[in-house]
Amino acid sequence: MSNLIRRIKPITLALCVFGLVAILHLPLAMANENDYATSDEIGLMKGFPPPPEKRVDRSSLLKGPGNRWLYLNMRQFYPTAAIKNADVPVPVKKSMDGAIEKLKIQKPGAAMVDVDT
């Protein structure tokens, strides 16, 4: 390994090290000062209309930090319904559907095979 390093020109090695440090530092540079800030602390969807960089829409729902605001405001984007809890717990049936044993799968370039093969 040390022979390899001696053969590489010092400038090439310096560029490789610099590039590696830059790549490893990039996520830290892109992170917010407080990665755990709430949507209120970040100022998402505040004011009317909210500033463009602070708006949450369908294109930014699943990406941070918009997902922080979405979690608490899901009903504004997707239809939901409040479901009342049962007064008494209801046992759940735990029977396996026997049809799974008859399931066959077409493998690429092969014949139909059973699930257990």
PDB file of N, CA and C in Angstrom:
ATOM      1  N   MET A   1       0.833  -1.193   0.000  1.00  0.00           N
ATOM      2  CA  MET A   1       0.000   0.000   0.000  1.00  0.00           C
ATOM      3  C   MET A   1       0.875   1.254   0.000  1.00  0.00           C
ATOM      4  N   SER A   2       1.950   1.255   0.802  1.00  0.00           N
ATOM      5  CA  SER A   2       2.797   2.444   0.853  1.00  0.00           C
ATOM      6  C   SER A   2       3.519   2.668  -0.467  1.00  0.00           C
ATOM      7  N   ASN A   3       3.844   1.589  -1.225  1.00  0.00           N
ATOM      8  CA  ASN A   3       4.448   1.753  -2.549  1.00  0.00           C
ATOM      9  C   ASN A   3       3.490   2.460  -3.487  1.00  0.00           C
ATOM     10  N   LEU A   4       2.236   2.145  -3.380  1.00  0.00           N
ATOM     11  CA  LEU A   4       1.230   2.781  -4.220  1.00  0.00           C
ATOM     12  C   LEU A   4       1.169   4.274  -3.928  1.00  0.00           C
ATOM     13  N   ILE A   5       1.189   4.624  -2.663  1.00  0.00           N
ATOM     14  CA  ILE A   5       1.127   6.038  -2.276  1.00  0.00           C
ATOM     15  C   ILE A   5       2.373   6.771  -2.756  1.00  0.00           C
ATOM     16  N   ARG A   6       3.527   6.123  -2.702  1.00  0.00           N
ATOM     17  CA  ARG A   6       4.762   6.771  -3.174  1.00  0.00           C
ATOM     18  C   ARG A   6       4.727   7.011  -4.680  1.00  0.00           C
ATOM     19  N   ARG A   7       4.042   6.128  -5.425  1.00  0.00           N
ATOM     20  CA  ARG A   7       3.975   6.278  -6.873  1.00  0.00           C
ATOM     21  C   ARG A   7       3.026   7.394  -7.300  1.00  0.00           C
ATOM     22  N   ILE A   8       2.021   7.660  -6.495  1.00  0.00           N
ATOM     23  CA  ILE A   8       1.062   8.704  -6.843  1.00  0.00           C
ATOM     24  C   ILE A   8       1.727  10.054  -6.610  1.00  0.00           C
ATOM     25  N   LYS A   9       1.553  10.925  -7.558  1.00  0.00           N
ATOM     26  CA  LYS A   9       2.144  12.252  -7.412  1.00  0.00           C
ATOM     27  C   LYS A   9       1.482  12.957  -6.231  1.00  0.00           C
ATOM     28  N   PRO A  10       2.241  13.719  -5.468  1.00  0.00           N
ATOM     29  CA  PRO A  10       1.690  14.404  -4.292  1.00  0.00           C
ATOM     30  C   PRO A  10       0.482  15.274  -4.601  1.00  0.00           C
ATOM     31  N   ILE A  11       0.456  15.924  -5.743  1.00  0.00           N
ATOM     32  CA  ILE A  11      -0.680  16.790  -6.059  1.00  0.00           C
ATOM     33  C   ILE A  11      -1.942  15.967  -6.261  1.00  0.00           C
ATOM     34  N   THR A  12      -1.817  14.797  -6.881  1.00  0.00           N
ATOM     35  CA  THR A  12      -2.971  13.921  -7.091  1.00  0.00           C
ATOM     36  C   THR A  12      -3.504  13.445  -5.754  1.00  0.00           C
ATOM     37  N   LEU A  13      -2.598  13.064  -4.865  1.00  0.00           N
ATOM     38  CA  LEU A  13      -3.010  12.623  -3.532  1.00  0.00           C
ATOM     39  C   LEU A  13      -3.702  13.749  -2.778  1.00  0.00           C
ATOM     40  N   ALA A  14      -3.172  14.958  -2.896  1.00  0.00           N
ATOM     41  CA  ALA A  14      -3.778  16.103  -2.215  1.00  0.00           C
ATOM     42  C   ALA A  14      -5.176  16.381  -2.759  1.00  0.00           C
ATOM     43  N   LEU A  15      -5.347  16.291  -4.071  1.00  0.00           N
ATOM     44  CA  LEU A  15      -6.664  16.504  -4.666  1.00  0.00           C
ATOM     45  C   LEU A  15      -7.657  15.434  -4.232  1.00  0.00           C
ATOM     46  N   CYS A  16      -7.214  14.195  -4.151  1.00  0.00           N
ATOM     47  CA  CYS A  16      -8.086  13.109  -3.694  1.00  0.00           C
ATOM     48  C   CYS A  16      -8.525  13.325  -2.244  1.00  0.00           C
ATOM     49  N   VAL A  17      -7.590  13.685  -1.405  1.00  0.00           N
ATOM     50  CA  VAL A  17      -7.916  13.934   0.003  1.00  0.00           C
ATOM     51  C   VAL A  17      -8.861  15.124   0.119  1.00  0.00           C
ATOM     52  N   PHE A  18      -8.588  16.196  -0.611  1.00  0.00           N
ATOM     53  CA  PHE A  18      -9.447  17.370  -0.578  1.00  0.00           C
ATOM     54  C   PHE A  18     -10.862  17.022  -1.043  1.00  0.00           C
ATOM     55  N   GLY A  19     -10.957  16.252  -2.127  1.00  0.00           N
ATOM     56  CA  GLY A  19     -12.259  15.844  -2.635  1.00  0.00           C
ATOM     57  C   GLY A  19     -13.026  14.994  -1.642  1.00  0.00           C
ATOM     58  N   LEU A  20     -12.326  14.072  -0.997  1.00  0.00           N
ATOM     59  CA  LEU A  20     -12.971  13.212   0.000  1.00  0.00           C
ATOM     60  C   LEU A  20     -13.472  14.032   1.177  1.00  0.00           C
ATOM     61  N   VAL A  21     -12.681  14.965   1.652  1.00  0.00           N
ATOM     62  CA  VAL A  21     -13.097  15.823   2.761  1.00  0.00           C
ATOM     63  C   VAL A  21     -14.305  16.663   2.351  1.00  0.00           C
ATOM     64  N   ALA A  22     -14.297  17.186   1.141  1.00  0.00           N
ATOM     65  CA  ALA A  22     -15.420  18.008   0.669  1.00  0.00           C
ATOM     66  C   ALA A  22     -16.692  17.175   0.579  1.00  0.00           C
ATOM     67  N   ILE A  23     -16.598  15.955   0.075  1.00  0.00           N
ATOM     68  CA  ILE A  23     -17.770  15.090  -0.048  1.00  0.00           C
ATOM     69  C   ILE A  23     -18.309  14.727   1.332  1.00  0.00           C
ATOM     70  N   LEU A  24     -17.436  14.432   2.263  1.00  0.00           N
ATOM     71  CA  LEU A  24     -17.887  14.071   3.607  1.00  0.00           C
ATOM     72  C   LEU A  24     -18.448  15.266   4.355  1.00  0.00           C
ATOM     73  N   HIS A  25     -17.994  16.468   4.035  1.00  0.00           N
ATOM     74  CA  HIS A  25     -18.449  17.670   4.723  1.00  0.00           C
ATOM     75  C   HIS A  25     -19.753  18.201   4.143  1.00  0.00           C
ATOM     76  N   LEU A  26     -20.077  17.844   2.903  1.00  0.00           N
ATOM     77  CA  LEU A  26     -21.246  18.379   2.220  1.00  0.00           C
ATOM     78  C   LEU A  26     -22.544  18.202   3.000  1.00  0.00           C
ATOM     79  N   PRO A  27     -22.863  17.001   3.520  1.00  0.00           N
ATOM     80  CA  PRO A  27     -24.118  16.892   4.280  1.00  0.00           C
ATOM     81  C   PRO A  27     -24.144  17.794   5.499  1.00  0.00           C
ATOM     82  N   LEU A  28     -23.012  17.992   6.136  1.00  0.00           N
ATOM     83  CA  LEU A  28     -22.966  18.872   7.300  1.00  0.00           C
ATOM     84  C   LEU A  28     -23.203  20.321   6.897  1.00  0.00           C
ATOM     85  N   ALA A  29     -22.678  20.708   5.755  1.00  0.00           N
ATOM     86  CA  ALA A  29     -22.857  22.081   5.301  1.00  0.00           C
ATOM     87  C   ALA A  29     -24.296  22.338   4.887  1.00  0.00           C
ATOM     88  N   MET A  30     -24.974  21.306   4.370  1.00  0.00           N
ATOM     89  CA  MET A  30     -26.341  21.476   3.916  1.00  0.00           C
ATOM     90  C   MET A  30     -27.352  21.379   5.056  1.00  0.00           C
ATOM     91  N   ALA A  31     -26.951  20.835   6.193  1.00  0.00           N
ATOM     92  CA  ALA A  31     -27.873  20.647   7.312  1.00  0.00           C
ATOM     93  C   ALA A  31     -28.223  21.988   7.943  1.00  0.00           C
ATOM     94  N   ASN A  32     -29.400  22.037   8.543  1.00  0.00           N
ATOM     95  CA  ASN A  32     -29.798  23.234   9.274  1.00  0.00           C
ATOM     96  C   ASN A  32     -28.975  23.328  10.545  1.00  0.00           C
ATOM     97  N   GLU A  33     -28.986  24.494  11.143  1.00  0.00           N
ATOM     98  CA  GLU A  33     -28.275  24.646  12.404  1.00  0.00           C
ATOM     99  C   GLU A  33     -28.848  23.715  13.454  1.00  0.00           C
ATOM    100  N   ASN A  34     -30.161  23.522  13.417  1.00  0.00           N
ATOM    101  CA  ASN A  34     -30.815  22.621  14.362  1.00  0.00           C
ATOM    102  C   ASN A  34     -31.624  21.609  13.562  1.00  0.00           C
ATOM    103  N   ASP A  35     -31.080  20.412  13.383  1.00  0.00           N
ATOM    104  CA  ASP A  35     -31.759  19.382  12.599  1.00  0.00           C
ATOM    105  C   ASP A  35     -33.061  18.926  13.243  1.00  0.00           C
ATOM    106  N   TYR A  36     -33.254  19.207  14.510  1.00  0.00           N
ATOM    107  CA  TYR A  36     -34.436  18.739  15.221  1.00  0.00           C
ATOM    108  C   TYR A  36     -35.430  19.862  15.502  1.00  0.00           C
ATOM    109  N   ALA A  37     -35.293  20.962  14.792  1.00  0.00           N
ATOM    110  CA  ALA A  37     -36.198  22.095  14.984  1.00  0.00           C
ATOM    111  C   ALA A  37     -37.598  21.722  14.514  1.00  0.00           C
ATOM    112  N   THR A  38     -38.598  22.249  15.184  1.00  0.00           N
ATOM    113  CA  THR A  38     -39.976  22.009  14.790  1.00  0.00           C
ATOM    114  C   THR A  38     -40.316  22.884  13.588  1.00  0.00           C
ATOM    115  N   SER A  39     -41.458  22.589  12.961  1.00  0.00           N
ATOM    116  CA  SER A  39     -41.864  23.401  11.815  1.00  0.00           C
ATOM    117  C   SER A  39     -42.146  24.838  12.244  1.00  0.00           C
ATOM    118  N   ASP A  40     -42.618  25.037  13.475  1.00  0.00           N
ATOM    119  CA  ASP A  40     -42.838  26.400  13.975  1.00  0.00           C
ATOM    120  C   ASP A  40     -41.516  27.138  14.144  1.00  0.00           C
ATOM    121  N   GLU A  41     -40.513  26.446  14.663  1.00  0.00           N
ATOM    122  CA  GLU A  41     -39.199  27.079  14.857  1.00  0.00           C
ATOM    123  C   GLU A  41     -38.557  27.437  13.513  1.00  0.00           C
ATOM    124  N   ILE A  42     -38.808  26.624  12.495  1.00  0.00           N
ATOM    125  CA  ILE A  42     -38.266  26.896  11.169  1.00  0.00           C
ATOM    126  C   ILE A  42     -39.080  27.981  10.475  1.00  0.00           C
ATOM    127  N   GLY A  43     -40.352  28.108  10.854  1.00  0.00           N
ATOM    128  CA  GLY A  43     -41.220  29.121  10.270  1.00  0.00           C
ATOM    129  C   GLY A  43     -41.968  28.637   9.040  1.00  0.00           C
ATOM    130  N   LEU A  44     -42.185  27.323   8.947  1.00  0.00           N
ATOM    131  CA  LEU A  44     -42.912  26.789   7.802  1.00  0.00           C
ATOM    132  C   LEU A  44     -44.368  27.207   7.849  1.00  0.00           C
ATOM    133  N   MET A  45     -44.902  27.575   6.692  1.00  0.00           N
ATOM    134  CA  MET A  45     -46.314  27.917   6.515  1.00  0.00           C
ATOM    135  C   MET A  45     -46.777  29.014   7.477  1.00  0.00           C
ATOM    136  N   LYS A  46     -45.926  29.979   7.756  1.00  0.00           N
ATOM    137  CA  LYS A  46     -46.276  31.104   8.618  1.00  0.00           C
ATOM    138  C   LYS A  46     -46.520  32.335   7.759  1.00  0.00           C
ATOM    139  N   GLY A  47     -47.533  33.123   8.124  1.00  0.00           N
ATOM    140  CA  GLY A  47     -47.862  34.323   7.379  1.00  0.00           C
ATOM    141  C   GLY A  47     -48.798  34.004   6.229  1.00  0.00           C
ATOM    142  N   PHE A  48     -49.343  35.051   5.619  1.00  0.00           N
ATOM    143  CA  PHE A  48     -50.219  34.841   4.478  1.00  0.00           C
ATOM    144  C   PHE A  48     -49.860  35.798   3.365  1.00  0.00           C
ATOM    145  N   PRO A  49     -49.478  35.340   2.256  1.00  0.00           N
ATOM    146  CA  PRO A  49     -49.081  33.950   1.995  1.00  0.00           C
ATOM    147  C   PRO A  49     -47.698  33.689   2.566  1.00  0.00           C
ATOM    148  N   PRO A  50     -47.393  32.427   2.870  1.00  0.00           N
ATOM    149  CA  PRO A  50     -46.048  32.130   3.384  1.00  0.00           C
ATOM    150  C   PRO A  50     -44.998  32.421   2.308  1.00  0.00           C
ATOM    151  N   PRO A  51     -43.801  32.804   2.701  1.00  0.00           N
ATOM    152  CA  PRO A  51     -42.746  33.024   1.712  1.00  0.00           C
ATOM    153  C   PRO A  51     -42.511  31.739   0.903  1.00  0.00           C
ATOM    154  N   PRO A  52     -42.150  31.836  -0.363  1.00  0.00           N
ATOM    155  CA  PRO A  52     -41.971  30.644  -1.201  1.00  0.00           C
ATOM    156  C   PRO A  52     -41.047  29.589  -0.598  1.00  0.00           C
ATOM    157  N   GLU A  53     -39.967  30.006   0.044  1.00  0.00           N
ATOM    158  CA  GLU A  53     -39.021  29.028   0.614  1.00  0.00           C
ATOM    159  C   GLU A  53     -39.560  28.363   1.880  1.00  0.00           C
ATOM    160  N   LYS A  54     -40.666  28.876   2.423  1.00  0.00           N
ATOM    161  CA  LYS A  54     -41.258  28.315   3.646  1.00  0.00           C
ATOM    162  C   LYS A  54     -42.592  27.619   3.371  1.00  0.00           C
ATOM    163  N   ARG A  55     -42.957  27.478   2.094  1.00  0.00           N
ATOM    164  CA  ARG A  55     -44.225  26.829   1.740  1.00  0.00           C
ATOM    165  C   ARG A  55     -44.054  25.318   1.674  1.00  0.00           C
ATOM    166  N   VAL A  56     -45.115  24.614   2.045  1.00  0.00           N
ATOM    167  CA  VAL A  56     -45.155  23.163   1.917  1.00  0.00           C
ATOM    168  C   VAL A  56     -46.261  22.843   0.924  1.00  0.00           C
ATOM    169  N   ASP A  57     -45.903  22.130  -0.130  1.00  0.00           N
ATOM    170  CA  ASP A  57     -46.904  21.706  -1.108  1.00  0.00           C
ATOM    171  C   ASP A  57     -46.672  20.234  -1.424  1.00  0.00           C
ATOM    172  N   ARG A  58     -47.455  19.697  -2.342  1.00  0.00           N
ATOM    173  CA  ARG A  58     -47.349  18.265  -2.632  1.00  0.00           C
ATOM    174  C   ARG A  58     -45.969  17.869  -3.144  1.00  0.00           C
ATOM    175  N   SER A  59     -45.223  18.771  -3.721  1.00  0.00           N
ATOM    176  CA  SER A  59     -43.888  18.430  -4.225  1.00  0.00           C
ATOM    177  C   SER A  59     -42.858  18.323  -3.101  1.00  0.00           C
ATOM    178  N   SER A  60     -43.147  18.892  -1.946  1.00  0.00           N
ATOM    179  CA  SER A  60     -42.171  18.873  -0.853  1.00  0.00           C
ATOM    180  C   SER A  60     -42.690  18.160   0.396  1.00  0.00           C
ATOM    181  N   LEU A  61     -43.772  17.423   0.242  1.00  0.00           N
ATOM    182  CA  LEU A  61     -44.391  16.799   1.412  1.00  0.00           C
ATOM    183  C   LEU A  61     -43.497  15.789   2.105  1.00  0.00           C
ATOM    184  N   LEU A  62     -42.836  14.947   1.354  1.00  0.00           N
ATOM    185  CA  LEU A  62     -42.090  13.846   1.953  1.00  0.00           C
ATOM    186  C   LEU A  62     -40.636  14.176   2.202  1.00  0.00           C
ATOM    187  N   LYS A  63     -40.229  15.395   1.860  1.00  0.00           N
ATOM    188  CA  LYS A  63     -38.854  15.809   2.087  1.00  0.00           C
ATOM    189  C   LYS A  63     -38.805  16.728   3.294  1.00  0.00           C
ATOM    190  N   GLY A  64     -37.732  16.642   4.048  1.00  0.00           N
ATOM    191  CA  GLY A  64     -37.566  17.556   5.150  1.00  0.00           C
ATOM    192  C   GLY A  64     -37.222  18.936   4.639  1.00  0.00           C
ATOM    193  N   PRO A  65     -37.545  19.954   5.353  1.00  0.00           N
ATOM    194  CA  PRO A  65     -38.278  19.991   6.613  1.00  0.00           C
ATOM    195  C   PRO A  65     -39.790  20.043   6.440  1.00  0.00           C
ATOM    196  N   GLY A  66     -40.296  20.009   5.171  1.00  0.00           N
ATOM    197  CA  GLY A  66     -41.735  20.084   4.953  1.00  0.00           C
ATOM    198  C   GLY A  66     -42.508  18.961   5.608  1.00  0.00           C
ATOM    199  N   ASN A  67     -41.872  17.782   5.724  1.00  0.00           N
ATOM    200  CA  ASN A  67     -42.567  16.651   6.344  1.00  0.00           C
ATOM    201  C   ASN A  67     -42.842  16.886   7.827  1.00  0.00           C
ATOM    202  N   ARG A  68     -42.108  17.773   8.456  1.00  0.00           N
ATOM    203  CA  ARG A  68     -42.377  18.083   9.873  1.00  0.00           C
ATOM    204  C   ARG A  68     -43.726  18.782  10.012  1.00  0.00           C
ATOM    205  N   TRP A  69     -43.986  19.717   9.116  1.00  0.00           N
ATOM    206  CA  TRP A  69     -45.252  20.430   9.142  1.00  0.00           C
ATOM    207  C   TRP A  69     -46.379  19.503   8.696  1.00  0.00           C
ATOM    208  N   LEU A  70     -46.130  18.692   7.676  1.00  0.00           N
ATOM    209  CA  LEU A  70     -47.154  17.805   7.133  1.00  0.00           C
ATOM    210  C   LEU A  70     -47.663  16.825   8.174  1.00  0.00           C
ATOM    211  N   TYR A  71     -46.777  16.303   8.991  1.00  0.00           N
ATOM    212  CA  TYR A  71     -47.190  15.305   9.981  1.00  0.00           C
ATOM    213  C   TYR A  71     -48.318  15.837  10.864  1.00  0.00           C
ATOM    214  N   LEU A  72     -48.253  17.092  11.209  1.00  0.00           N
ATOM    215  CA  LEU A  72     -49.276  17.679  12.079  1.00  0.00           C
ATOM    216  C   LEU A  72     -50.465  18.242  11.307  1.00  0.00           C
ATOM    217  N   ASN A  73     -50.373  18.337   9.986  1.00  0.00           N
ATOM    218  CA  ASN A  73     -51.426  18.941   9.170  1.00  0.00           C
ATOM    219  C   ASN A  73     -51.855  18.029   8.019  1.00  0.00           C
ATOM    220  N   MET A  74     -51.767  16.727   8.221  1.00  0.00           N
ATOM    221  CA  MET A  74     -52.044  15.747   7.177  1.00  0.00           C
ATOM    222  C   MET A  74     -53.433  15.922   6.570  1.00  0.00           C
ATOM    223  N   ARG A  75     -54.432  16.257   7.371  1.00  0.00           N
ATOM    224  CA  ARG A  75     -55.806  16.346   6.885  1.00  0.00           C
ATOM    225  C   ARG A  75     -56.010  17.464   5.877  1.00  0.00           C
ATOM    226  N   GLN A  76     -55.102  18.398   5.793  1.00  0.00           N
ATOM    227  CA  GLN A  76     -55.231  19.467   4.804  1.00  0.00           C
ATOM    228  C   GLN A  76     -54.829  18.994   3.411  1.00  0.00           C
ATOM    229  N   PHE A  77     -54.085  17.893   3.320  1.00  0.00           N
ATOM    230  CA  PHE A  77     -53.622  17.390   2.035  1.00  0.00           C
ATOM    231  C   PHE A  77     -54.301  16.097   1.605  1.00  0.00           C
ATOM    232  N   TYR A  78     -54.632  15.250   2.550  1.00  0.00           N
ATOM    233  CA  TYR A  78     -55.216  13.956   2.236  1.00  0.00           C
ATOM    234  C   TYR A  78     -56.487  13.761   3.050  1.00  0.00           C
ATOM    235  N   PRO A  79     -57.544  13.217   2.425  1.00  0.00           N
ATOM    236  CA  PRO A  79     -58.775  12.992   3.177  1.00  0.00           C
ATOM    237  C   PRO A  79     -58.558  11.938   4.262  1.00  0.00           C
ATOM    238  N   THR A  80     -58.987  12.248   5.450  1.00  0.00           N
ATOM    239  CA  THR A  80     -58.885  11.320   6.573  1.00  0.00           C
ATOM    240  C   THR A  80     -60.203  11.356   7.329  1.00  0.00           C
ATOM    241  N   ALA A  81     -60.373  10.410   8.203  1.00  0.00           N
ATOM    242  CA  ALA A  81     -61.586  10.362   9.018  1.00  0.00           C
ATOM    243  C   ALA A  81     -61.197   9.973  10.435  1.00  0.00           C
ATOM    244  N   ALA A  82     -61.864  10.577  11.390  1.00  0.00           N
ATOM    245  CA  ALA A  82     -61.649  10.200  12.784  1.00  0.00           C
ATOM    246  C   ALA A  82     -62.377   8.877  13.025  1.00  0.00           C
ATOM    247  N   ILE A  83     -61.700   7.913  13.594  1.00  0.00           N
ATOM    248  CA  ILE A  83     -62.301   6.608  13.873  1.00  0.00           C
ATOM    249  C   ILE A  83     -62.327   6.432  15.380  1.00  0.00           C
ATOM    250  N   LYS A  84     -63.527   6.230  15.898  1.00  0.00           N
ATOM    251  CA  LYS A  84     -63.705   6.084  17.337  1.00  0.00           C
ATOM    252  C   LYS A  84     -63.181   4.724  17.789  1.00  0.00           C
ATOM    253  N   ASN A  85     -62.532   4.707  18.932  1.00  0.00           N
ATOM    254  CA  ASN A  85     -62.072   3.447  19.504  1.00  0.00           C
ATOM    255  C   ASN A  85     -63.261   2.610  19.946  1.00  0.00           C
ATOM    256  N   ALA A  86     -63.104   1.310  19.887  1.00  0.00           N
ATOM    257  CA  ALA A  86     -64.157   0.413  20.372  1.00  0.00           C
ATOM    258  C   ALA A  86     -64.234   0.512  21.892  1.00  0.00           C
ATOM    259  N   ASP A  87     -65.434   0.353  22.432  1.00  0.00           N
ATOM    260  CA  ASP A  87     -65.596   0.377  23.886  1.00  0.00           C
ATOM    261  C   ASP A  87     -64.932  -0.836  24.523  1.00  0.00           C
ATOM    262  N   VAL A  88     -64.968  -1.953  23.810  1.00  0.00           N
ATOM    263  CA  VAL A  88     -64.380  -3.199  24.308  1.00  0.00           C
ATOM    264  C   VAL A  88     -63.433  -3.712  23.223  1.00  0.00           C
ATOM    265  N   PRO A  89     -62.227  -4.165  23.593  1.00  0.00           N
ATOM    266  CA  PRO A  89     -61.307  -4.689  22.572  1.00  0.00           C
ATOM    267  C   PRO A  89     -61.936  -5.865  21.818  1.00  0.00           C
ATOM    268  N   VAL A  90     -61.727  -5.891  20.519  1.00  0.00           N
ATOM    269  CA  VAL A  90     -62.268  -6.958  19.678  1.00  0.00           C
ATOM    270  C   VAL A  90     -61.112  -7.851  19.253  1.00  0.00           C
ATOM    271  N   PRO A  91     -61.213  -9.169  19.507  1.00  0.00           N
ATOM    272  CA  PRO A  91     -60.116 -10.056  19.094  1.00  0.00           C
ATOM    273  C   PRO A  91     -60.006 -10.120  17.568  1.00  0.00           C
ATOM    274  N   VAL A  92     -58.800 -10.233  17.087  1.00  0.00           N
ATOM    275  CA  VAL A  92     -58.534 -10.289  15.655  1.00  0.00           C
ATOM    276  C   VAL A  92     -58.354 -11.754  15.254  1.00  0.00           C
ATOM    277  N   LYS A  93     -59.036 -12.158  14.176  1.00  0.00           N
ATOM    278  CA  LYS A  93     -58.876 -13.522  13.679  1.00  0.00           C
ATOM    279  C   LYS A  93     -57.472 -13.664  13.106  1.00  0.00           C
ATOM    280  N   LYS A  94     -56.810 -14.768  13.431  1.00  0.00           N
ATOM    281  CA  LYS A  94     -55.430 -14.976  13.006  1.00  0.00           C
ATOM    282  C   LYS A  94     -55.305 -16.224  12.142  1.00  0.00           C
ATOM    283  N   SER A  95     -56.208 -16.435  11.228  1.00  0.00           N
ATOM    284  CA  SER A  95     -56.130 -17.624  10.387  1.00  0.00           C
ATOM    285  C   SER A  95     -55.405 -17.293   9.081  1.00  0.00           C
ATOM    286  N   MET A  96     -54.594 -18.235   8.622  1.00  0.00           N
ATOM    287  CA  MET A  96     -53.836 -18.066   7.386  1.00  0.00           C
ATOM    288  C   MET A  96     -54.695 -18.530   6.224  1.00  0.00           C
ATOM    289  N   ASP A  97     -54.673 -17.784   5.147  1.00  0.00           N
ATOM    290  CA  ASP A  97     -55.393 -18.169   3.937  1.00  0.00           C
ATOM    291  C   ASP A  97     -54.642 -19.318   3.281  1.00  0.00           C
ATOM    292  N   GLY A  98     -55.290 -20.451   3.097  1.00  0.00           N
ATOM    293  CA  GLY A  98     -54.656 -21.636   2.528  1.00  0.00           C
ATOM    294  C   GLY A  98     -54.281 -21.481   1.072  1.00  0.00           C
ATOM    295  N   ALA A  99     -54.799 -20.463   0.389  1.00  0.00           N
ATOM    296  CA  ALA A  99     -54.500 -20.282  -1.032  1.00  0.00           C
ATOM    297  C   ALA A  99     -53.038 -19.946  -1.277  1.00  0.00           C
ATOM    298  N   ILE A 100     -52.337 -19.467  -0.265  1.00  0.00           N
ATOM    299  CA  ILE A 100     -50.929 -19.117  -0.451  1.00  0.00           C
ATOM    300  C   ILE A 100     -50.095 -20.346  -0.784  1.00  0.00           C
ATOM    301  N   GLU A 101     -50.540 -21.512  -0.319  1.00  0.00           N
ATOM    302  CA  GLU A 101     -49.800 -22.741  -0.606  1.00  0.00           C
ATOM    303  C   GLU A 101     -49.925 -23.140  -2.068  1.00  0.00           C
ATOM    304  N   LYS A 102     -50.913 -22.633  -2.773  1.00  0.00           N
ATOM    305  CA  LYS A 102     -51.123 -22.952  -4.181  1.00  0.00           C
ATOM    306  C   LYS A 102     -50.536 -21.887  -5.096  1.00  0.00           C
ATOM    307  N   LEU A 103     -49.910 -20.873  -4.539  1.00  0.00           N
ATOM    308  CA  LEU A 103     -49.376 -19.766  -5.316  1.00  0.00           C
ATOM    309  C   LEU A 103     -48.201 -20.226  -6.168  1.00  0.00           C
ATOM    310  N   LYS A 104     -48.215 -19.860  -7.422  1.00  0.00           N
ATOM    311  CA  LYS A 104     -47.118 -20.178  -8.329  1.00  0.00           C
ATOM    312  C   LYS A 104     -46.561 -18.871  -8.883  1.00  0.00           C
ATOM    313  N   ILE A 105     -45.256 -18.864  -9.108  1.00  0.00           N
ATOM    314  CA  ILE A 105     -44.575 -17.658  -9.575  1.00  0.00           C
ATOM    315  C   ILE A 105     -43.832 -17.970 -10.866  1.00  0.00           C
ATOM    316  N   GLN A 106     -43.899 -17.050 -11.807  1.00  0.00           N
ATOM    317  CA  GLN A 106     -43.165 -17.201 -13.066  1.00  0.00           C
ATOM    318  C   GLN A 106     -41.791 -16.566 -12.895  1.00  0.00           C
ATOM    319  N   LYS A 107     -40.743 -17.383 -12.839  1.00  0.00           N
ATOM    320  CA  LYS A 107     -39.388 -16.855 -12.754  1.00  0.00           C
ATOM    321  C   LYS A 107     -38.909 -16.492 -14.153  1.00  0.00           C
ATOM    322  N   PRO A 108     -38.112 -15.435 -14.289  1.00  0.00           N
ATOM    323  CA  PRO A 108     -37.618 -15.068 -15.621  1.00  0.00           C
ATOM    324  C   PRO A 108     -36.801 -16.200 -16.226  1.00  0.00           C
ATOM    325  N   GLY A 109     -37.153 -16.585 -17.438  1.00  0.00           N
ATOM    326  CA  GLY A 109     -36.416 -17.630 -18.129  1.00  0.00           C
ATOM    327  C   GLY A 109     -36.638 -19.015 -17.575  1.00  0.00           C
ATOM    328  N   ALA A 110     -37.684 -19.213 -16.772  1.00  0.00           N
ATOM    329  CA  ALA A 110     -37.936 -20.534 -16.195  1.00  0.00           C
ATOM    330  C   ALA A 110     -39.441 -20.792 -16.206  1.00  0.00           C
ATOM    331  N   ALA A 111     -39.786 -22.004 -15.861  1.00  0.00           N
ATOM    332  CA  ALA A 111     -41.202 -22.376 -15.822  1.00  0.00           C
ATOM    333  C   ALA A 111     -41.817 -21.869 -14.526  1.00  0.00           C
ATOM    334  N   MET A 112     -43.117 -22.058 -14.404  1.00  0.00           N
ATOM    335  CA  MET A 112     -43.831 -21.695 -13.173  1.00  0.00           C
ATOM    336  C   MET A 112     -43.297 -22.559 -12.019  1.00  0.00           C
ATOM    337  N   VAL A 113     -43.107 -21.944 -10.865  1.00  0.00           N
ATOM    338  CA  VAL A 113     -42.621 -22.687  -9.705  1.00  0.00           C
ATOM    339  C   VAL A 113     -43.531 -22.401  -8.514  1.00  0.00           C
ATOM    340  N   ASP A 114     -43.564 -23.368  -7.584  1.00  0.00           N
ATOM    341  CA  ASP A 114     -44.312 -23.185  -6.354  1.00  0.00           C
ATOM    342  C   ASP A 114     -43.547 -22.235  -5.446  1.00  0.00           C
ATOM    343  N   VAL A 115     -44.234 -21.669  -4.470  1.00  0.00           N
ATOM    344  CA  VAL A 115     -43.595 -20.730  -3.540  1.00  0.00           C
ATOM    345  C   VAL A 115     -42.503 -21.419  -2.729  1.00  0.00           C
ATOM    346  N   ASP A 116     -42.679 -22.681  -2.381  1.00  0.00           N
ATOM    347  CA  ASP A 116     -41.714 -23.362  -1.515  1.00  0.00           C
ATOM    348  C   ASP A 116     -40.451 -23.806  -2.240  1.00  0.00           C
ATOM    349  N   THR A 117     -40.369 -23.636  -3.580  1.00  0.00           N
ATOM    350  CA  THR A 117     -39.159 -24.050  -4.295  1.00  0.00           C
ATOM    351  C   THR A 117     -38.262 -22.878  -4.578  1.00  0.00           C
TER     352      THR A 117
END
